Amino acid sequence: MLDLIISGLFLANAILYGLGFVAFYLRRDVFAKVVVPIQADRINSAYEAVIESGRFMGGFNFALSA
């Protein structure tokens, strides 16, 4: 019974990190728009750094989900 609970937790953890990969890496433009909601602020070059940080966090989540 305990093995089943632990396996379920590991599966839920892998799903959670997999969703983080999708949110941060595959949909990094949407992630950046959530972090920087004002469109006038997106013209700044720092906005591109926010997009690339989403790529980094997505890769990190992918590594943890495996």
PDB file of N, CA and C in Angstrom:
ATOM      1  N   MET A   1       0.821  -1.197   0.000  1.00  0.00           N
ATOM      2  CA  MET A   1       0.000   0.000   0.000  1.00  0.00           C
ATOM      3  C   MET A   1       0.865   1.260   0.000  1.00  0.00           C
ATOM      4  N   LEU A   2       1.903   1.233   0.823  1.00  0.00           N
ATOM      5  CA  LEU A   2       2.797   2.389   0.879  1.00  0.00           C
ATOM      6  C   LEU A   2       3.528   2.581  -0.445  1.00  0.00           C
ATOM      7  N   ASP A   3       3.865   1.467  -1.101  1.00  0.00           N
ATOM      8  CA  ASP A   3       4.529   1.564  -2.401  1.00  0.00           C
ATOM      9  C   ASP A   3       3.633   2.235  -3.436  1.00  0.00           C
ATOM     10  N   LEU A   4       2.357   1.948  -3.368  1.00  0.00           N
ATOM     11  CA  LEU A   4       1.404   2.553  -4.293  1.00  0.00           C
ATOM     12  C   LEU A   4       1.287   4.062  -4.049  1.00  0.00           C
ATOM     13  N   ILE A   5       1.288   4.466  -2.813  1.00  0.00           N
ATOM     14  CA  ILE A   5       1.208   5.893  -2.473  1.00  0.00           C
ATOM     15  C   ILE A   5       2.468   6.619  -2.938  1.00  0.00           C
ATOM     16  N   ILE A   6       3.622   6.020  -2.700  1.00  0.00           N
ATOM     17  CA  ILE A   6       4.880   6.643  -3.110  1.00  0.00           C
ATOM     18  C   ILE A   6       4.962   6.738  -4.631  1.00  0.00           C
ATOM     19  N   SER A   7       4.536   5.691  -5.327  1.00  0.00           N
ATOM     20  CA  SER A   7       4.529   5.719  -6.792  1.00  0.00           C
ATOM     21  C   SER A   7       3.583   6.797  -7.312  1.00  0.00           C
ATOM     22  N   GLY A   8       2.453   6.945  -6.667  1.00  0.00           N
ATOM     23  CA  GLY A   8       1.514   8.001  -7.048  1.00  0.00           C
ATOM     24  C   GLY A   8       2.098   9.387  -6.843  1.00  0.00           C
ATOM     25  N   LEU A   9       2.819   9.572  -5.752  1.00  0.00           N
ATOM     26  CA  LEU A   9       3.465  10.864  -5.505  1.00  0.00           C
ATOM     27  C   LEU A   9       4.552  11.155  -6.540  1.00  0.00           C
ATOM     28  N   PHE A  10       5.321  10.131  -6.887  1.00  0.00           N
ATOM     29  CA  PHE A  10       6.349  10.324  -7.921  1.00  0.00           C
ATOM     30  C   PHE A  10       5.718  10.660  -9.268  1.00  0.00           C
ATOM     31  N   LEU A  11       4.624  10.012  -9.591  1.00  0.00           N
ATOM     32  CA  LEU A  11       3.924  10.301 -10.837  1.00  0.00           C
ATOM     33  C   LEU A  11       3.371  11.724 -10.839  1.00  0.00           C
ATOM     34  N   ALA A  12       2.758  12.129  -9.724  1.00  0.00           N
ATOM     35  CA  ALA A  12       2.237  13.499  -9.623  1.00  0.00           C
ATOM     36  C   ALA A  12       3.362  14.519  -9.722  1.00  0.00           C
ATOM     37  N   ASN A  13       4.508  14.215  -9.131  1.00  0.00           N
ATOM     38  CA  ASN A  13       5.653  15.103  -9.198  1.00  0.00           C
ATOM     39  C   ASN A  13       6.163  15.234 -10.636  1.00  0.00           C
ATOM     40  N   ALA A  14       6.247  14.116 -11.357  1.00  0.00           N
ATOM     41  CA  ALA A  14       6.701  14.150 -12.750  1.00  0.00           C
ATOM     42  C   ALA A  14       5.725  14.938 -13.616  1.00  0.00           C
ATOM     43  N   ILE A  15       4.439  14.776 -13.362  1.00  0.00           N
ATOM     44  CA  ILE A  15       3.433  15.539 -14.122  1.00  0.00           C
ATOM     45  C   ILE A  15       3.564  17.028 -13.830  1.00  0.00           C
ATOM     46  N   LEU A  16       3.763  17.371 -12.576  1.00  0.00           N
ATOM     47  CA  LEU A  16       3.902  18.776 -12.199  1.00  0.00           C
ATOM     48  C   LEU A  16       5.104  19.422 -12.881  1.00  0.00           C
ATOM     49  N   TYR A  17       6.254  18.751 -12.844  1.00  0.00           N
ATOM     50  CA  TYR A  17       7.436  19.303 -13.501  1.00  0.00           C
ATOM     51  C   TYR A  17       7.285  19.302 -15.021  1.00  0.00           C
ATOM     52  N   GLY A  18       6.566  18.325 -15.549  1.00  0.00           N
ATOM     53  CA  GLY A  18       6.295  18.327 -16.984  1.00  0.00           C
ATOM     54  C   GLY A  18       5.444  19.515 -17.394  1.00  0.00           C
ATOM     55  N   LEU A  19       4.464  19.850 -16.576  1.00  0.00           N
ATOM     56  CA  LEU A  19       3.653  21.040 -16.849  1.00  0.00           C
ATOM     57  C   LEU A  19       4.470  22.322 -16.719  1.00  0.00           C
ATOM     58  N   GLY A  20       5.426  22.321 -15.791  1.00  0.00           N
ATOM     59  CA  GLY A  20       6.335  23.461 -15.696  1.00  0.00           C
ATOM     60  C   GLY A  20       7.177  23.618 -16.940  1.00  0.00           C
ATOM     61  N   PHE A  21       7.598  22.495 -17.524  1.00  0.00           N
ATOM     62  CA  PHE A  21       8.348  22.543 -18.776  1.00  0.00           C
ATOM     63  C   PHE A  21       7.507  23.148 -19.891  1.00  0.00           C
ATOM     64  N   VAL A  22       6.260  22.734 -19.969  1.00  0.00           N
ATOM     65  CA  VAL A  22       5.375  23.279 -21.000  1.00  0.00           C
ATOM     66  C   VAL A  22       5.155  24.775 -20.786  1.00  0.00           C
ATOM     67  N   ALA A  23       4.911  25.170 -19.546  1.00  0.00           N
ATOM     68  CA  ALA A  23       4.605  26.577 -19.261  1.00  0.00           C
ATOM     69  C   ALA A  23       5.808  27.480 -19.469  1.00  0.00           C
ATOM     70  N   PHE A  24       6.988  27.035 -19.049  1.00  0.00           N
ATOM     71  CA  PHE A  24       8.155  27.915 -19.105  1.00  0.00           C
ATOM     72  C   PHE A  24       8.938  27.804 -20.401  1.00  0.00           C
ATOM     73  N   TYR A  25       9.046  26.619 -20.975  1.00  0.00           N
ATOM     74  CA  TYR A  25       9.888  26.444 -22.159  1.00  0.00           C
ATOM     75  C   TYR A  25       9.087  26.559 -23.454  1.00  0.00           C
ATOM     76  N   LEU A  26       8.048  25.777 -23.567  1.00  0.00           N
ATOM     77  CA  LEU A  26       7.301  25.758 -24.817  1.00  0.00           C
ATOM     78  C   LEU A  26       6.426  27.000 -24.986  1.00  0.00           C
ATOM     79  N   ARG A  27       5.921  27.542 -23.885  1.00  0.00           N
ATOM     80  CA  ARG A  27       5.057  28.725 -23.948  1.00  0.00           C
ATOM     81  C   ARG A  27       5.725  29.909 -23.248  1.00  0.00           C
ATOM     82  N   ARG A  28       7.016  30.106 -23.515  1.00  0.00           N
ATOM     83  CA  ARG A  28       7.765  31.140 -22.796  1.00  0.00           C
ATOM     84  C   ARG A  28       7.295  32.547 -23.125  1.00  0.00           C
ATOM     85  N   ASP A  29       6.712  32.761 -24.307  1.00  0.00           N
ATOM     86  CA  ASP A  29       6.180  34.093 -24.630  1.00  0.00           C
ATOM     87  C   ASP A  29       4.992  34.432 -23.734  1.00  0.00           C
ATOM     88  N   VAL A  30       4.137  33.457 -23.490  1.00  0.00           N
ATOM     89  CA  VAL A  30       2.994  33.682 -22.603  1.00  0.00           C
ATOM     90  C   VAL A  30       3.478  33.909 -21.176  1.00  0.00           C
ATOM     91  N   PHE A  31       4.472  33.119 -20.753  1.00  0.00           N
ATOM     92  CA  PHE A  31       5.064  33.296 -19.423  1.00  0.00           C
ATOM     93  C   PHE A  31       5.617  34.715 -19.261  1.00  0.00           C
ATOM     94  N   ALA A  32       6.319  35.202 -20.282  1.00  0.00           N
ATOM     95  CA  ALA A  32       6.896  36.543 -20.195  1.00  0.00           C
ATOM     96  C   ALA A  32       5.806  37.613 -20.154  1.00  0.00           C
ATOM     97  N   LYS A  33       4.713  37.398 -20.862  1.00  0.00           N
ATOM     98  CA  LYS A  33       3.617  38.364 -20.830  1.00  0.00           C
ATOM     99  C   LYS A  33       2.945  38.399 -19.463  1.00  0.00           C
ATOM    100  N   VAL A  34       2.926  37.274 -18.767  1.00  0.00           N
ATOM    101  CA  VAL A  34       2.358  37.258 -17.416  1.00  0.00           C
ATOM    102  C   VAL A  34       3.280  37.988 -16.450  1.00  0.00           C
ATOM    103  N   VAL A  35       4.594  37.808 -16.615  1.00  0.00           N
ATOM    104  CA  VAL A  35       5.555  38.458 -15.723  1.00  0.00           C
ATOM    105  C   VAL A  35       5.615  39.956 -15.983  1.00  0.00           C
ATOM    106  N   VAL A  36       5.530  40.363 -17.272  1.00  0.00           N
ATOM    107  CA  VAL A  36       5.569  41.785 -17.641  1.00  0.00           C
ATOM    108  C   VAL A  36       4.226  42.116 -18.301  1.00  0.00           C
ATOM    109  N   PRO A  37       3.212  42.467 -17.505  1.00  0.00           N
ATOM    110  CA  PRO A  37       1.872  42.642 -18.075  1.00  0.00           C
ATOM    111  C   PRO A  37       1.674  43.923 -18.889  1.00  0.00           C
ATOM    112  N   ILE A  38       2.444  44.956 -18.621  1.00  0.00           N
ATOM    113  CA  ILE A  38       2.258  46.226 -19.325  1.00  0.00           C
ATOM    114  C   ILE A  38       3.009  46.175 -20.653  1.00  0.00           C
ATOM    115  N   GLN A  39       2.268  46.361 -21.750  1.00  0.00           N
ATOM    116  CA  GLN A  39       2.851  46.193 -23.077  1.00  0.00           C
ATOM    117  C   GLN A  39       3.950  47.209 -23.367  1.00  0.00           C
ATOM    118  N   ALA A  40       3.855  48.392 -22.805  1.00  0.00           N
ATOM    119  CA  ALA A  40       4.889  49.407 -23.035  1.00  0.00           C
ATOM    120  C   ALA A  40       6.227  48.988 -22.434  1.00  0.00           C
ATOM    121  N   ASP A  41       6.197  48.187 -21.386  1.00  0.00           N
ATOM    122  CA  ASP A  41       7.437  47.728 -20.759  1.00  0.00           C
ATOM    123  C   ASP A  41       8.099  46.596 -21.533  1.00  0.00           C
ATOM    124  N   ARG A  42       7.415  46.001 -22.476  1.00  0.00           N
ATOM    125  CA  ARG A  42       7.970  44.885 -23.244  1.00  0.00           C
ATOM    126  C   ARG A  42       8.915  45.326 -24.335  1.00  0.00           C
ATOM    127  N   ILE A  43       9.007  46.596 -24.594  1.00  0.00           N
ATOM    128  CA  ILE A  43       9.906  47.110 -25.620  1.00  0.00           C
ATOM    129  C   ILE A  43      11.355  47.053 -25.137  1.00  0.00           C
ATOM    130  N   ASN A  44      11.557  47.061 -23.855  1.00  0.00           N
ATOM    131  CA  ASN A  44      12.878  47.046 -23.240  1.00  0.00           C
ATOM    132  C   ASN A  44      13.613  45.755 -23.574  1.00  0.00           C
ATOM    133  N   SER A  45      14.936  45.827 -23.653  1.00  0.00           N
ATOM    134  CA  SER A  45      15.728  44.627 -23.946  1.00  0.00           C
ATOM    135  C   SER A  45      15.718  43.634 -22.780  1.00  0.00           C
ATOM    136  N   ALA A  46      15.360  44.083 -21.604  1.00  0.00           N
ATOM    137  CA  ALA A  46      15.265  43.179 -20.463  1.00  0.00           C
ATOM    138  C   ALA A  46      14.118  42.188 -20.644  1.00  0.00           C
ATOM    139  N   TYR A  47      13.134  42.551 -21.460  1.00  0.00           N
ATOM    140  CA  TYR A  47      12.022  41.644 -21.733  1.00  0.00           C
ATOM    141  C   TYR A  47      12.518  40.380 -22.440  1.00  0.00           C
ATOM    142  N   GLU A  48      13.483  40.538 -23.337  1.00  0.00           N
ATOM    143  CA  GLU A  48      14.069  39.365 -23.996  1.00  0.00           C
ATOM    144  C   GLU A  48      14.784  38.473 -22.987  1.00  0.00           C
ATOM    145  N   ALA A  49      15.381  39.080 -21.975  1.00  0.00           N
ATOM    146  CA  ALA A  49      16.034  38.291 -20.921  1.00  0.00           C
ATOM    147  C   ALA A  49      14.998  37.520 -20.113  1.00  0.00           C
ATOM    148  N   VAL A  50      13.820  38.097 -19.918  1.00  0.00           N
ATOM    149  CA  VAL A  50      12.748  37.398 -19.213  1.00  0.00           C
ATOM    150  C   VAL A  50      12.297  36.185 -20.028  1.00  0.00           C
ATOM    151  N   ILE A  51      12.187  36.351 -21.341  1.00  0.00           N
ATOM    152  CA  ILE A  51      11.805  35.234 -22.208  1.00  0.00           C
ATOM    153  C   ILE A  51      12.842  34.119 -22.126  1.00  0.00           C
ATOM    154  N   GLU A  52      14.116  34.484 -22.179  1.00  0.00           N
ATOM    155  CA  GLU A  52      15.176  33.473 -22.112  1.00  0.00           C
ATOM    156  C   GLU A  52      15.266  32.831 -20.735  1.00  0.00           C
ATOM    157  N   SER A  53      14.911  33.560 -19.685  1.00  0.00           N
ATOM    158  CA  SER A  53      14.907  32.935 -18.359  1.00  0.00           C
ATOM    159  C   SER A  53      13.806  31.883 -18.277  1.00  0.00           C
ATOM    160  N   GLY A  54      12.713  32.092 -19.004  1.00  0.00           N
ATOM    161  CA  GLY A  54      11.675  31.070 -19.086  1.00  0.00           C
ATOM    162  C   GLY A  54      12.190  29.813 -19.749  1.00  0.00           C
ATOM    163  N   ARG A  55      13.028  29.981 -20.756  1.00  0.00           N
ATOM    164  CA  ARG A  55      13.643  28.822 -21.410  1.00  0.00           C
ATOM    165  C   ARG A  55      14.528  28.064 -20.423  1.00  0.00           C
ATOM    166  N   PHE A  56      15.282  28.793 -19.620  1.00  0.00           N
ATOM    167  CA  PHE A  56      16.150  28.159 -18.619  1.00  0.00           C
ATOM    168  C   PHE A  56      15.323  27.401 -17.584  1.00  0.00           C
ATOM    169  N   MET A  57      14.277  28.038 -17.069  1.00  0.00           N
ATOM    170  CA  MET A  57      13.444  27.389 -16.049  1.00  0.00           C
ATOM    171  C   MET A  57      12.710  26.174 -16.620  1.00  0.00           C
ATOM    172  N   GLY A  58      12.311  26.262 -17.887  1.00  0.00           N
ATOM    173  CA  GLY A  58      11.677  25.112 -18.523  1.00  0.00           C
ATOM    174  C   GLY A  58      12.619  23.943 -18.656  1.00  0.00           C
ATOM    175  N   GLY A  59      13.865  24.222 -19.032  1.00  0.00           N
ATOM    176  CA  GLY A  59      14.852  23.157 -19.120  1.00  0.00           C
ATOM    177  C   GLY A  59      15.144  22.547 -17.770  1.00  0.00           C
ATOM    178  N   PHE A  60      15.166  23.367 -16.756  1.00  0.00           N
ATOM    179  CA  PHE A  60      15.399  22.867 -15.393  1.00  0.00           C
ATOM    180  C   PHE A  60      14.247  21.976 -14.953  1.00  0.00           C
ATOM    181  N   ASN A  61      13.019  22.380 -15.255  1.00  0.00           N
ATOM    182  CA  ASN A  61      11.854  21.560 -14.910  1.00  0.00           C
ATOM    183  C   ASN A  61      11.858  20.244 -15.672  1.00  0.00           C
ATOM    184  N   PHE A  62      12.306  20.283 -16.938  1.00  0.00           N
ATOM    185  CA  PHE A  62      12.373  19.052 -17.724  1.00  0.00           C
ATOM    186  C   PHE A  62      13.382  18.084 -17.133  1.00  0.00           C
ATOM    187  N   ALA A  63      14.508  18.621 -16.673  1.00  0.00           N
ATOM    188  CA  ALA A  63      15.529  17.757 -16.065  1.00  0.00           C
ATOM    189  C   ALA A  63      15.019  17.134 -14.765  1.00  0.00           C
ATOM    190  N   LEU A  64      14.256  17.873 -14.007  1.00  0.00           N
ATOM    191  CA  LEU A  64      13.736  17.341 -12.749  1.00  0.00           C
ATOM    192  C   LEU A  64      12.587  16.351 -12.963  1.00  0.00           C
ATOM    193  N   SER A  65      11.892  16.461 -14.083  1.00  0.00           N
ATOM    194  CA  SER A  65      10.769  15.562 -14.309  1.00  0.00           C
ATOM    195  C   SER A  65      11.205  14.186 -14.778  1.00  0.00           C
ATOM    196  N   ALA A  66      12.421  14.074 -15.257  1.00  0.00           N
ATOM    197  CA  ALA A  66      12.887  12.766 -15.788  1.00  0.00           C
ATOM    198  C   ALA A  66      13.368  11.855 -14.684  1.00  0.00           C
TER     199      ALA A  66
END
